[in-house]
Amino acid sequence: MFGHFAKDRNVVDGQGKIESGGAVYFGSVAARRLGARVAIVTRLHPDDFSRLDELKQEGIDVFASAAPATSGIENTYQSANMERRVCKLLGFAGAMSLAEIPNVTARIYALTPIIAGEFDLAFLRAIAARGPVALDVQGFVRVPQGRELISRTWDEMAEGLRDVTYLKVDRAEAELLTGETDLARAARQIAAFGPREIVLTQSSGVTVFVDGQVYTAPFTPRSLAGRTGRGDTCFLSYLAWRLNHTPHDAACIAAAVTTLKQECPGPWRGTLADVIGAG
C-alpha cells in the first residue's frame, strides 16, 4: 500500500478528537486481519512516527519517509447523521517520489492516496510496471483549495486508468467522473478506460463490477460510530480476500468486515470468525 498516513481531527456534535487515519491505516489493519501479508509505504512528520507502532504490532511492514508535515483532515459530523461530513485540510505531507519505492514485490500494489498531489501519473506508471495496481480514485479527485477539499474531475483519467486493474470509487465519484447517476452505466464507462474490477461503495453497501457481471453485498451496521475509514476498510478487505477467492466472495467478506468496522471507531481488529458470525 502507498499513501499518506493521516493525523485527523474527527468532530462529532462539536467535540473534537485527534485520531490516526488514512487508507494505509484503516485498510492495512483490515487486510492483515484477514490473513494477507501487508506492507505500507508512507510519508509523515518524524514527530508522528510513533503512531506507526500499532501497525508494526499488527505484523505490517512499514516503510516511512520523513516529511515536513503529517497529512490530516478535519471531519465534522452530526451524530444524528454520521453519513454526511464536512472535510477540511489540516496538513499535507507532500508528494511521494520514485526514490521512496522500496525493493519489495507484491501480488497487488495498492495506491490509496487521501488527497490529490500524493502521486502523479509517472509514479502510477512506475508501480504498474511492477505488477497489478489497485487505485482509490479519491486521491486524484479530492483536491485542496486552501483548507477546503473539493471534488474535481481527473484530467489524466484516460491515461491513468489504463494502468489500473482494481479501481475503487464511491457513488459521488462515479457520477463526477462519468456524469451518470446509474451505477451500472457509470461502471461500464469507467471500465472502458482499462480497470478490470471496479469496487463501488455507497452508504448501503458495496457493488463490484467484473467482466460485465455485478456483485452486491449490503452494509448492515447497528451504529455508525466508526464511520470514518469505511471505504478504506471495504476496498482493502476486498483486495485481501480477492487474492485467493472469487469477486463475489470478496465482496461479501468486504461488506461484512465494513459492517463491523462502522460500529466501532478505529481500524477493524476482529477475526474471520467474527466476520462469518456477522454474515
Protein backbone atom coordinates (compact mmCIF):
# COMPACT_ATOMS: atom_id res chain seq x y z
CA MET A 1 0.00 0.00 0.00
CA PHE A 2 1.19 3.50 -0.87
CA GLY A 3 -0.35 6.61 0.67
CA HIS A 4 -0.17 9.23 3.36
CA PHE A 5 -0.70 8.24 6.97
CA ALA A 6 -3.03 10.85 8.44
CA LYS A 7 -3.44 12.57 11.77
CA ASP A 8 -7.09 13.58 11.57
CA ARG A 9 -9.38 15.58 13.80
CA ASN A 10 -12.81 13.98 13.99
CA VAL A 11 -15.54 16.23 15.34
CA VAL A 12 -18.94 14.88 16.41
CA ASP A 13 -21.52 17.30 17.79
CA GLY A 14 -18.81 19.90 18.42
CA GLN A 15 -16.49 17.56 20.30
CA GLY A 16 -13.14 17.02 18.55
CA LYS A 17 -10.57 14.26 18.91
CA ILE A 18 -7.20 13.74 17.21
CA GLU A 19 -7.02 10.24 15.70
CA SER A 20 -4.86 8.28 13.29
CA GLY A 21 -6.32 7.83 9.82
CA GLY A 22 -5.78 7.30 6.13
CA ALA A 23 -6.21 4.22 3.99
CA VAL A 24 -2.77 2.91 4.90
CA TYR A 25 -4.02 2.89 8.50
CA PHE A 26 -7.58 1.58 8.26
CA GLY A 27 -7.01 -0.58 5.21
CA SER A 28 -3.74 -2.23 6.20
CA VAL A 29 -5.08 -3.46 9.53
CA ALA A 30 -8.22 -4.91 7.91
CA ALA A 31 -6.20 -6.68 5.22
CA ARG A 32 -3.74 -8.04 7.75
CA ARG A 33 -6.55 -9.30 9.99
CA LEU A 34 -7.89 -11.24 7.01
CA GLY A 35 -4.57 -13.02 6.68
CA ALA A 36 -2.82 -11.01 3.96
CA ARG A 37 0.82 -10.02 4.23
CA VAL A 38 0.87 -6.24 4.09
CA ALA A 39 3.48 -3.52 3.68
CA ILE A 40 2.82 0.22 3.65
CA VAL A 41 4.90 3.00 2.11
CA THR A 42 4.08 6.38 3.58
CA ARG A 43 5.23 9.88 4.47
CA LEU A 44 4.71 11.85 7.68
CA HIS A 45 6.45 14.20 10.08
CA PRO A 46 9.07 12.45 12.24
CA ASP A 47 7.26 13.60 15.40
CA ASP A 48 4.41 11.28 14.39
CA PHE A 49 6.49 8.20 13.55
CA SER A 50 5.43 6.64 16.86
CA ARG A 51 1.88 6.45 15.50
CA LEU A 52 3.11 3.74 13.14
CA ASP A 53 3.97 1.41 16.03
CA GLU A 54 0.48 -0.05 16.23
CA LEU A 55 0.73 -1.09 12.58
CA LYS A 56 4.06 -2.80 13.23
CA GLN A 57 2.46 -4.61 16.17
CA GLU A 58 -0.14 -5.97 13.73
CA GLY A 59 2.69 -7.52 11.70
CA ILE A 60 2.57 -4.90 8.96
CA ASP A 61 5.87 -3.92 7.30
CA VAL A 62 6.29 -0.15 7.42
CA PHE A 63 8.43 1.98 5.09
CA ALA A 64 8.16 5.59 6.24
CA SER A 65 9.85 8.72 4.89
CA ALA A 66 10.20 11.97 6.79
CA ALA A 67 8.02 14.84 5.58
CA PRO A 68 7.75 18.49 6.65
CA ALA A 69 4.19 17.84 7.88
CA THR A 70 1.78 14.99 8.53
CA SER A 71 -1.31 14.92 6.36
CA GLY A 72 -4.60 15.33 8.13
CA ILE A 73 -8.26 16.10 7.59
CA GLU A 74 -10.83 17.54 9.95
CA ASN A 75 -14.03 15.51 9.58
CA THR A 76 -17.06 17.20 11.13
CA TYR A 77 -20.17 15.11 11.72
CA GLN A 78 -23.53 15.47 13.39
CA SER A 79 -24.31 12.30 15.36
CA ALA A 80 -27.87 12.34 14.05
CA ASN A 81 -26.47 11.76 10.55
CA MET A 82 -22.99 10.25 10.51
CA GLU A 83 -23.35 9.69 6.77
CA ARG A 84 -22.61 13.32 5.98
CA ARG A 85 -19.43 15.13 6.93
CA VAL A 86 -17.62 18.38 6.24
CA CYS A 87 -13.92 17.88 5.45
CA LYS A 88 -11.17 20.47 5.83
CA LEU A 89 -7.44 20.07 5.24
CA LEU A 90 -5.17 20.20 8.30
CA GLY A 91 -1.83 19.27 6.75
CA PHE A 92 -0.16 17.72 3.71
CA ALA A 93 2.96 15.53 3.71
CA GLY A 94 3.92 16.26 0.11
CA ALA A 95 4.35 14.19 -3.00
CA MET A 96 5.91 10.73 -2.81
CA SER A 97 8.95 10.28 -5.05
CA LEU A 98 10.04 7.27 -7.06
CA ALA A 99 13.10 7.05 -4.81
CA GLU A 100 10.81 6.15 -1.89
CA ILE A 101 9.57 2.94 -3.55
CA PRO A 102 11.18 0.03 -1.66
CA ASN A 103 12.53 -3.04 -3.41
CA VAL A 104 9.62 -5.22 -2.32
CA THR A 105 7.45 -7.44 -4.52
CA ALA A 106 3.71 -7.91 -4.07
CA ARG A 107 0.74 -9.57 -5.73
CA ILE A 108 -1.20 -6.28 -5.62
CA TYR A 109 0.21 -2.76 -5.39
CA ALA A 110 -2.46 -0.53 -3.85
CA LEU A 111 -2.26 3.22 -4.36
CA THR A 112 -4.52 4.67 -1.68
CA PRO A 113 -3.99 8.44 -1.52
CA ILE A 114 -6.29 10.60 0.57
CA ILE A 115 -5.56 13.93 -1.13
CA ALA A 116 -4.67 14.90 -4.68
CA GLY A 117 -0.94 15.51 -5.05
CA GLU A 118 0.36 12.46 -3.21
CA PHE A 119 1.17 10.72 -6.51
CA ASP A 120 1.45 11.74 -10.13
CA LEU A 121 0.99 9.78 -13.34
CA ALA A 122 4.70 8.90 -13.52
CA PHE A 123 4.52 7.33 -10.06
CA LEU A 124 1.45 5.30 -11.00
CA ARG A 125 3.14 4.05 -14.15
CA ALA A 126 6.28 3.08 -12.23
CA ILE A 127 4.19 0.99 -9.84
CA ALA A 128 2.20 -0.57 -12.70
CA ALA A 129 5.45 -1.75 -14.24
CA ARG A 130 5.91 -3.95 -11.17
CA GLY A 131 2.53 -5.67 -11.17
CA PRO A 132 -1.26 -5.28 -10.79
CA VAL A 133 -2.29 -1.88 -9.45
CA ALA A 134 -5.26 -1.15 -7.21
CA LEU A 135 -6.24 2.52 -7.05
CA ASP A 136 -8.59 4.57 -4.90
CA VAL A 137 -9.57 7.39 -7.23
CA GLN A 138 -10.26 9.62 -4.21
CA GLY A 139 -6.63 10.77 -4.21
CA PHE A 140 -6.93 12.15 -7.73
CA VAL A 141 -10.31 13.91 -7.46
CA ARG A 142 -10.21 15.25 -3.87
CA VAL A 143 -8.32 18.49 -4.40
CA PRO A 144 -7.22 21.00 -1.73
CA GLN A 145 -8.08 24.67 -2.21
CA GLY A 146 -6.71 26.37 0.85
CA ARG A 147 -8.25 24.45 3.73
CA GLU A 148 -11.21 23.38 1.64
CA LEU A 149 -11.30 19.98 -0.08
CA ILE A 150 -13.27 20.00 -3.30
CA SER A 151 -14.12 17.29 -5.82
CA ARG A 152 -12.79 17.85 -9.32
CA THR A 153 -12.60 15.67 -12.42
CA TRP A 154 -9.30 13.91 -13.11
CA ASP A 155 -7.88 15.36 -16.33
CA GLU A 156 -5.46 12.45 -16.86
CA MET A 157 -8.06 9.77 -16.13
CA ALA A 158 -7.85 8.09 -19.54
CA GLU A 159 -4.09 7.72 -19.23
CA GLY A 160 -4.10 6.79 -15.56
CA LEU A 161 -6.83 4.16 -15.61
CA ARG A 162 -5.08 2.37 -18.45
CA ASP A 163 -2.62 1.01 -15.87
CA VAL A 164 -5.18 0.08 -13.16
CA THR A 165 -6.53 -3.41 -12.51
CA TYR A 166 -8.68 -2.77 -9.40
CA LEU A 167 -10.39 0.62 -9.04
CA LYS A 168 -12.29 1.92 -6.04
CA VAL A 169 -14.82 4.73 -6.39
CA ASP A 170 -17.78 5.84 -4.33
CA ARG A 171 -21.15 6.80 -5.77
CA ALA A 172 -20.37 10.54 -5.87
CA GLU A 173 -17.01 9.94 -7.57
CA ALA A 174 -18.55 7.65 -10.16
CA GLU A 175 -21.09 10.33 -11.03
CA LEU A 176 -18.39 13.02 -11.10
CA LEU A 177 -16.20 11.05 -13.50
CA THR A 178 -18.94 9.89 -15.87
CA GLY A 179 -21.96 12.17 -15.44
CA GLU A 180 -24.05 9.02 -14.88
CA THR A 181 -26.28 8.50 -11.85
CA ASP A 182 -26.93 4.87 -12.79
CA LEU A 183 -24.16 2.79 -11.23
CA ALA A 184 -24.09 0.10 -13.92
CA ARG A 185 -23.76 2.64 -16.73
CA ALA A 186 -21.11 4.56 -14.79
CA ALA A 187 -19.14 1.38 -14.16
CA ARG A 188 -19.26 0.39 -17.82
CA GLN A 189 -17.94 3.80 -18.83
CA ILE A 190 -15.10 3.60 -16.31
CA ALA A 191 -14.24 0.02 -17.25
CA ALA A 192 -13.77 1.10 -20.85
CA PHE A 193 -10.66 3.00 -19.74
CA GLY A 194 -9.00 -0.21 -18.55
CA PRO A 195 -9.80 -1.27 -14.95
CA ARG A 196 -10.76 -4.95 -14.82
CA GLU A 197 -12.59 -4.79 -11.48
CA ILE A 198 -14.45 -1.79 -10.09
CA VAL A 199 -15.32 -1.65 -6.40
CA LEU A 200 -18.03 0.93 -5.82
CA THR A 201 -19.07 1.91 -2.30
CA GLN A 202 -22.09 3.79 -1.05
CA SER A 203 -23.88 4.05 2.28
CA SER A 204 -25.97 0.93 1.64
CA GLY A 205 -23.14 -1.40 0.66
CA VAL A 206 -20.58 -2.41 -1.94
CA THR A 207 -21.10 -3.17 -5.62
CA VAL A 208 -18.42 -4.90 -7.68
CA PHE A 209 -18.33 -4.88 -11.49
CA VAL A 210 -16.19 -7.55 -13.18
CA ASP A 211 -16.38 -8.59 -16.85
CA GLY A 212 -19.95 -7.38 -17.20
CA GLN A 213 -21.07 -9.15 -14.01
CA VAL A 214 -22.44 -7.31 -10.99
CA TYR A 215 -21.99 -8.47 -7.39
CA THR A 216 -23.56 -6.64 -4.46
CA ALA A 217 -23.37 -7.01 -0.69
CA PRO A 218 -25.03 -4.77 1.92
CA PHE A 219 -23.63 -2.89 4.91
CA THR A 220 -25.85 -3.56 7.95
CA PRO A 221 -24.21 -1.76 10.90
CA ARG A 222 -26.08 -1.27 14.15
CA SER A 223 -24.41 2.14 14.51
CA LEU A 224 -22.12 4.48 12.56
CA ALA A 225 -19.77 5.31 15.42
CA GLY A 226 -16.86 4.10 13.26
CA ARG A 227 -17.96 5.75 10.01
CA THR A 228 -14.52 7.27 9.25
CA GLY A 229 -12.45 4.77 7.28
CA ARG A 230 -15.41 2.89 5.82
CA GLY A 231 -14.31 3.00 2.19
CA ASP A 232 -10.67 2.23 3.01
CA THR A 233 -11.69 -0.81 5.03
CA CYS A 234 -14.02 -2.05 2.31
CA PHE A 235 -11.52 -1.73 -0.53
CA LEU A 236 -8.59 -3.35 1.24
CA SER A 237 -10.77 -6.12 2.66
CA TYR A 238 -11.92 -6.82 -0.88
CA LEU A 239 -8.36 -6.89 -2.21
CA ALA A 240 -7.10 -9.10 0.61
CA TRP A 241 -9.83 -11.69 0.10
CA ARG A 242 -9.70 -11.39 -3.66
CA LEU A 243 -6.12 -12.73 -3.67
CA ASN A 244 -7.48 -16.26 -3.30
CA HIS A 245 -11.24 -16.01 -3.82
CA THR A 246 -13.88 -15.00 -6.35
CA PRO A 247 -15.13 -11.42 -6.77
CA HIS A 248 -18.48 -12.43 -5.26
CA ASP A 249 -16.86 -13.96 -2.17
CA ALA A 250 -14.54 -10.98 -1.80
CA ALA A 251 -17.47 -8.55 -1.99
CA CYS A 252 -19.36 -10.46 0.71
CA ILE A 253 -16.37 -10.57 3.05
CA ALA A 254 -15.61 -6.89 2.46
CA ALA A 255 -19.21 -5.93 3.25
CA ALA A 256 -19.22 -7.98 6.46
CA VAL A 257 -15.90 -6.52 7.64
CA THR A 258 -17.05 -2.99 6.79
CA THR A 259 -20.31 -3.53 8.64
CA LEU A 260 -18.40 -4.44 11.80
CA LYS A 261 -15.88 -1.64 11.35
CA GLN A 262 -18.61 1.03 11.15
CA GLU A 263 -19.82 0.07 14.61
CA CYS A 264 -16.54 0.99 16.30
CA PRO A 265 -14.04 3.85 15.77
CA GLY A 266 -10.54 2.94 14.61
CA PRO A 267 -9.42 0.07 12.38
CA TRP A 268 -11.32 -3.20 12.31
CA ARG A 269 -9.48 -5.53 14.68
CA GLY A 270 -11.73 -8.56 14.52
CA THR A 271 -11.20 -12.09 13.24
CA LEU A 272 -12.50 -14.14 10.36
CA ALA A 273 -14.75 -15.93 12.87
CA ASP A 274 -16.33 -12.55 13.70
CA VAL A 275 -16.97 -11.93 10.01
CA ILE A 276 -18.56 -15.32 9.46
CA GLY A 277 -20.70 -14.81 12.54
CA ALA A 278 -21.86 -11.44 11.22
CA GLY A 279 -22.50 -12.79 7.73
